[in-house]
Amino acid sequence: MPALIHFALDPFSRRMRLALAEYGVGVDFIEETPWDPSHDLFELNPAGTVPVYLEDSTSPVSGVEAIGEFLEETKSARTRLIPGDVFARAEVRRIVGWFDVKFYAEVSEPLITERVIRRYLPRENGGGGPDMGRVRQAAQRLRDHLGYIGHLADHHTWLAGEVLSLADLAAAAHVSVADYFGDVPWSDYPSAKSWYQRIKSRPSFRPLLADTVRGMAPSANYADLDF
């Protein structure tokens, strides 16, 4: 069976988990810790980062964009996640890039680093208490992104058009990390909330709602579909 090497709260791994479920591909999951990557991970991906997709024991595909394109080319007989004509596909990829680059730099990375990774690092490697200045700044930038999600959701059924696409999965993967920490002011962004409720209710999302990180329980509303 194919396998995905991942970390539960890594948004790129989460996007791949959602995509695999939407394609209907069953996989085994192998957990890695980004702050202490194993030798085996470096053997499969010289960058030492997750996710890594293993179609079989000899064919690793690493990097979230490479995996996303690989799955669309090989698993999309029934479900396409980069659908439409050339312009529609470009829009899907544009929105995916927004979340994987801009949202990650401004929100996901600071929250994960300060709330999770630093608590597991030794002090000599940057471990310790969170830098709350970075956390507060990420929370403020999150508001900008929620406004943009709401803008997109107000103009289409889904973020990139009238059908679910990889753009929705990328956005949901990143937002879900902030939601795990309870950092999302949903009541201030009803359009973004309505979109997230719909994607959160999909069968592909249910395994993410069962995620936990050792020593860090999710927020009270994280698994609530009627939050």
Protein backbone atom coordinates (compact mmCIF):
# COMPACT_ATOMS: atom_id res chain seq x y z
CA MET A 1 0.00 0.00 0.00
CA PRO A 2 1.22 3.55 -0.64
CA ALA A 3 2.48 5.51 2.35
CA LEU A 4 2.71 9.16 3.37
CA ILE A 5 5.46 10.35 5.69
CA HIS A 6 4.00 13.30 7.55
CA PHE A 7 3.64 15.31 10.75
CA ALA A 8 0.12 15.75 12.10
CA LEU A 9 0.18 19.55 12.37
CA ASP A 10 2.27 20.24 9.27
CA PRO A 11 -0.09 22.07 6.86
CA PHE A 12 1.63 20.64 3.78
CA SER A 13 1.19 17.11 5.11
CA ARG A 14 -2.43 17.94 5.91
CA ARG A 15 -3.05 19.08 2.35
CA MET A 16 -1.73 15.77 1.05
CA ARG A 17 -3.86 13.80 3.49
CA LEU A 18 -6.94 15.68 2.32
CA ALA A 19 -6.04 15.22 -1.34
CA LEU A 20 -5.39 11.50 -0.99
CA ALA A 21 -8.75 11.05 0.73
CA GLU A 22 -10.56 13.08 -1.95
CA TYR A 23 -8.91 10.97 -4.67
CA GLY A 24 -9.96 7.83 -2.78
CA VAL A 25 -6.40 6.59 -2.28
CA GLY A 26 -5.80 4.49 0.83
CA VAL A 27 -2.38 5.01 2.43
CA ASP A 28 -0.37 4.05 5.46
CA PHE A 29 0.85 6.98 7.55
CA ILE A 30 4.37 7.26 8.93
CA GLU A 31 4.87 9.99 11.53
CA GLU A 32 7.98 12.18 11.52
CA THR A 33 8.95 15.11 13.74
CA PRO A 34 10.12 18.17 11.77
CA TRP A 35 12.46 19.30 14.55
CA ASP A 36 14.23 15.92 14.70
CA PRO A 37 14.08 14.31 11.23
CA SER A 38 15.24 10.71 11.01
CA HIS A 39 18.04 9.35 8.86
CA ASP A 40 15.43 7.45 6.85
CA LEU A 41 13.69 10.71 5.98
CA PHE A 42 16.92 12.20 4.62
CA GLU A 43 17.44 9.06 2.56
CA LEU A 44 14.06 9.60 0.91
CA ASN A 45 14.18 13.41 0.73
CA PRO A 46 17.58 15.13 0.97
CA ALA A 47 15.83 18.25 2.31
CA GLY A 48 14.72 16.28 5.38
CA THR A 49 11.20 17.73 5.21
CA VAL A 50 7.71 16.30 5.08
CA PRO A 51 5.55 15.26 3.34
CA VAL A 52 7.03 12.40 1.34
CA TYR A 53 4.72 10.14 -0.66
CA LEU A 54 5.74 6.54 -1.32
CA GLU A 55 3.88 4.94 -4.19
CA ASP A 56 6.00 1.88 -3.45
CA SER A 57 9.22 1.13 -1.59
CA THR A 58 11.44 2.38 -4.42
CA SER A 59 9.56 5.45 -5.70
CA PRO A 60 9.46 8.38 -3.22
CA VAL A 61 7.96 11.69 -4.29
CA SER A 62 8.90 14.59 -2.02
CA GLY A 63 7.74 18.16 -1.74
CA VAL A 64 4.13 19.24 -1.45
CA GLU A 65 3.85 20.71 -4.96
CA ALA A 66 5.51 17.73 -6.61
CA ILE A 67 3.25 15.32 -4.74
CA GLY A 68 0.17 17.37 -5.59
CA GLU A 69 0.96 17.32 -9.31
CA PHE A 70 1.91 13.63 -9.21
CA LEU A 71 -1.40 12.69 -7.62
CA GLU A 72 -3.39 14.83 -10.06
CA GLU A 73 -1.64 13.10 -12.96
CA THR A 74 -2.01 9.55 -11.62
CA LYS A 75 -5.08 9.43 -9.32
CA SER A 76 -7.63 11.76 -10.87
CA ALA A 77 -9.61 9.34 -13.03
CA ARG A 78 -12.76 10.07 -10.98
CA THR A 79 -11.89 13.24 -9.07
CA ARG A 80 -9.90 16.19 -10.34
CA LEU A 81 -8.48 18.66 -7.84
CA ILE A 82 -6.91 20.94 -10.47
CA PRO A 83 -9.99 21.13 -12.72
CA GLY A 84 -11.14 23.23 -15.63
CA ASP A 85 -9.47 24.90 -18.59
CA VAL A 86 -5.96 26.32 -18.57
CA PHE A 87 -7.07 29.56 -16.91
CA ALA A 88 -9.09 27.78 -14.23
CA ARG A 89 -6.15 25.52 -13.43
CA ALA A 90 -3.86 28.55 -13.22
CA GLU A 91 -6.24 30.13 -10.69
CA VAL A 92 -6.22 26.97 -8.56
CA ARG A 93 -2.43 26.98 -8.55
CA ARG A 94 -2.34 30.71 -7.77
CA ILE A 95 -4.49 30.29 -4.68
CA VAL A 96 -2.55 27.21 -3.59
CA GLY A 97 0.62 29.30 -3.85
CA TRP A 98 -0.98 32.08 -1.78
CA PHE A 99 -1.49 29.72 1.14
CA ASP A 100 1.66 27.66 0.79
CA VAL A 101 3.91 30.73 0.55
CA LYS A 102 2.22 33.82 1.96
CA PHE A 103 -0.09 32.29 4.57
CA TYR A 104 2.65 29.88 5.68
CA ALA A 105 5.23 32.64 6.14
CA GLU A 106 2.85 35.01 7.94
CA VAL A 107 0.71 32.61 9.99
CA SER A 108 1.42 28.86 9.88
CA GLU A 109 5.18 28.90 10.40
CA PRO A 110 5.19 31.34 13.34
CA LEU A 111 2.34 29.50 15.09
CA ILE A 112 3.88 26.04 14.62
CA THR A 113 7.37 27.17 15.51
CA GLU A 114 6.39 29.10 18.63
CA ARG A 115 3.56 26.90 19.91
CA VAL A 116 4.97 23.47 19.07
CA ILE A 117 8.52 23.16 17.82
CA ARG A 118 10.26 25.36 20.38
CA ARG A 119 8.81 23.38 23.27
CA TYR A 120 10.52 20.21 21.99
CA LEU A 121 13.88 21.70 21.02
CA PRO A 122 16.74 21.77 23.49
CA ARG A 123 17.46 25.29 24.72
CA GLU A 124 20.83 25.40 22.95
CA ASN A 125 18.99 24.86 19.65
CA GLY A 126 16.42 27.59 20.20
CA GLY A 127 14.01 25.73 22.47
CA GLY A 128 12.07 27.30 25.28
CA GLY A 129 8.94 29.35 25.74
CA PRO A 130 7.13 30.83 22.75
CA ASP A 131 7.89 34.28 21.41
CA MET A 132 4.44 35.75 22.03
CA GLY A 133 5.26 38.75 19.85
CA ARG A 134 5.46 36.43 16.83
CA VAL A 135 2.27 34.67 17.91
CA ARG A 136 0.36 37.94 18.21
CA GLN A 137 1.65 39.15 14.86
CA ALA A 138 0.59 35.87 13.23
CA ALA A 139 -2.88 36.21 14.79
CA GLN A 140 -3.19 39.70 13.32
CA ARG A 141 -2.08 38.60 9.85
CA LEU A 142 -4.52 35.70 10.08
CA ARG A 143 -7.34 38.24 10.05
CA ASP A 144 -6.19 39.55 6.68
CA HIS A 145 -6.26 36.04 5.25
CA LEU A 146 -9.69 35.26 6.67
CA GLY A 147 -10.95 38.38 4.97
CA TYR A 148 -9.47 37.18 1.68
CA ILE A 149 -11.00 33.71 2.11
CA GLY A 150 -14.34 35.37 2.70
CA HIS A 151 -13.90 37.48 -0.45
CA LEU A 152 -13.19 34.38 -2.55
CA ALA A 153 -16.04 32.42 -0.96
CA ASP A 154 -18.50 35.26 -1.64
CA HIS A 155 -17.75 35.13 -5.37
CA HIS A 156 -17.69 31.37 -5.97
CA THR A 157 -19.12 28.17 -4.57
CA TRP A 158 -15.56 27.17 -3.63
CA LEU A 159 -12.43 29.30 -3.43
CA ALA A 160 -11.25 28.89 -7.02
CA GLY A 161 -14.56 28.27 -8.76
CA GLU A 162 -17.70 26.19 -8.68
CA VAL A 163 -16.12 22.87 -7.69
CA LEU A 164 -13.87 21.82 -4.84
CA SER A 165 -10.21 22.07 -5.77
CA LEU A 166 -6.70 21.87 -4.40
CA ALA A 167 -7.07 25.56 -3.54
CA ASP A 168 -9.68 24.69 -0.91
CA LEU A 169 -7.56 21.87 0.47
CA ALA A 170 -4.48 24.09 0.77
CA ALA A 171 -6.44 26.85 2.50
CA ALA A 172 -8.18 24.41 4.84
CA ALA A 173 -4.92 22.67 5.71
CA HIS A 174 -3.31 25.92 6.83
CA VAL A 175 -6.38 27.34 8.56
CA SER A 176 -6.94 24.08 10.42
CA VAL A 177 -3.56 24.45 12.13
CA ALA A 178 -4.55 27.84 13.51
CA ASP A 179 -7.93 26.37 14.43
CA TYR A 180 -6.21 23.58 16.37
CA PHE A 181 -4.68 26.25 18.60
CA GLY A 182 -7.98 28.12 18.91
CA ASP A 183 -6.56 31.22 17.21
CA VAL A 184 -9.28 31.78 14.59
CA PRO A 185 -11.85 34.55 15.35
CA TRP A 186 -14.59 32.87 13.36
CA SER A 187 -17.42 35.11 14.54
CA ASP A 188 -15.78 38.10 12.82
CA TYR A 189 -15.59 36.38 9.42
CA PRO A 190 -18.93 34.70 8.62
CA SER A 191 -18.18 34.02 4.95
CA ALA A 192 -14.88 32.31 5.77
CA LYS A 193 -16.61 30.41 8.56
CA SER A 194 -19.35 29.15 6.23
CA TRP A 195 -16.74 27.92 3.73
CA TYR A 196 -14.73 26.21 6.47
CA GLN A 197 -17.81 24.52 7.90
CA ARG A 198 -18.53 22.98 4.51
CA ILE A 199 -15.04 21.64 3.97
CA LYS A 200 -14.71 20.59 7.61
CA SER A 201 -17.84 18.44 7.17
CA ARG A 202 -16.39 16.43 4.28
CA PRO A 203 -15.40 12.81 4.97
CA SER A 204 -11.82 13.58 3.90
CA PHE A 205 -11.50 16.01 6.82
CA ARG A 206 -12.60 13.68 9.62
CA PRO A 207 -9.19 12.07 10.26
CA LEU A 208 -7.67 15.53 10.77
CA LEU A 209 -10.23 16.26 13.48
CA ALA A 210 -8.91 13.29 15.45
CA ASP A 211 -5.32 14.59 15.43
CA THR A 212 -3.55 15.35 18.66
CA VAL A 213 -0.03 16.44 19.49
CA ARG A 214 1.61 15.05 22.59
CA GLY A 215 1.14 17.43 25.50
CA MET A 216 -1.04 19.83 23.50
CA ALA A 217 -4.77 19.22 23.24
CA PRO A 218 -6.75 20.90 20.44
CA SER A 219 -9.03 23.84 21.12
CA ALA A 220 -12.54 23.08 22.41
CA ASN A 221 -14.19 23.75 19.06
CA TYR A 222 -11.59 22.13 16.83
CA ALA A 223 -13.57 18.93 16.14
CA ASP A 224 -17.01 20.58 16.39
CA LEU A 225 -18.75 20.73 13.01
CA ASP A 226 -21.23 23.31 14.34
CA PHE A 227 -18.66 25.64 15.87
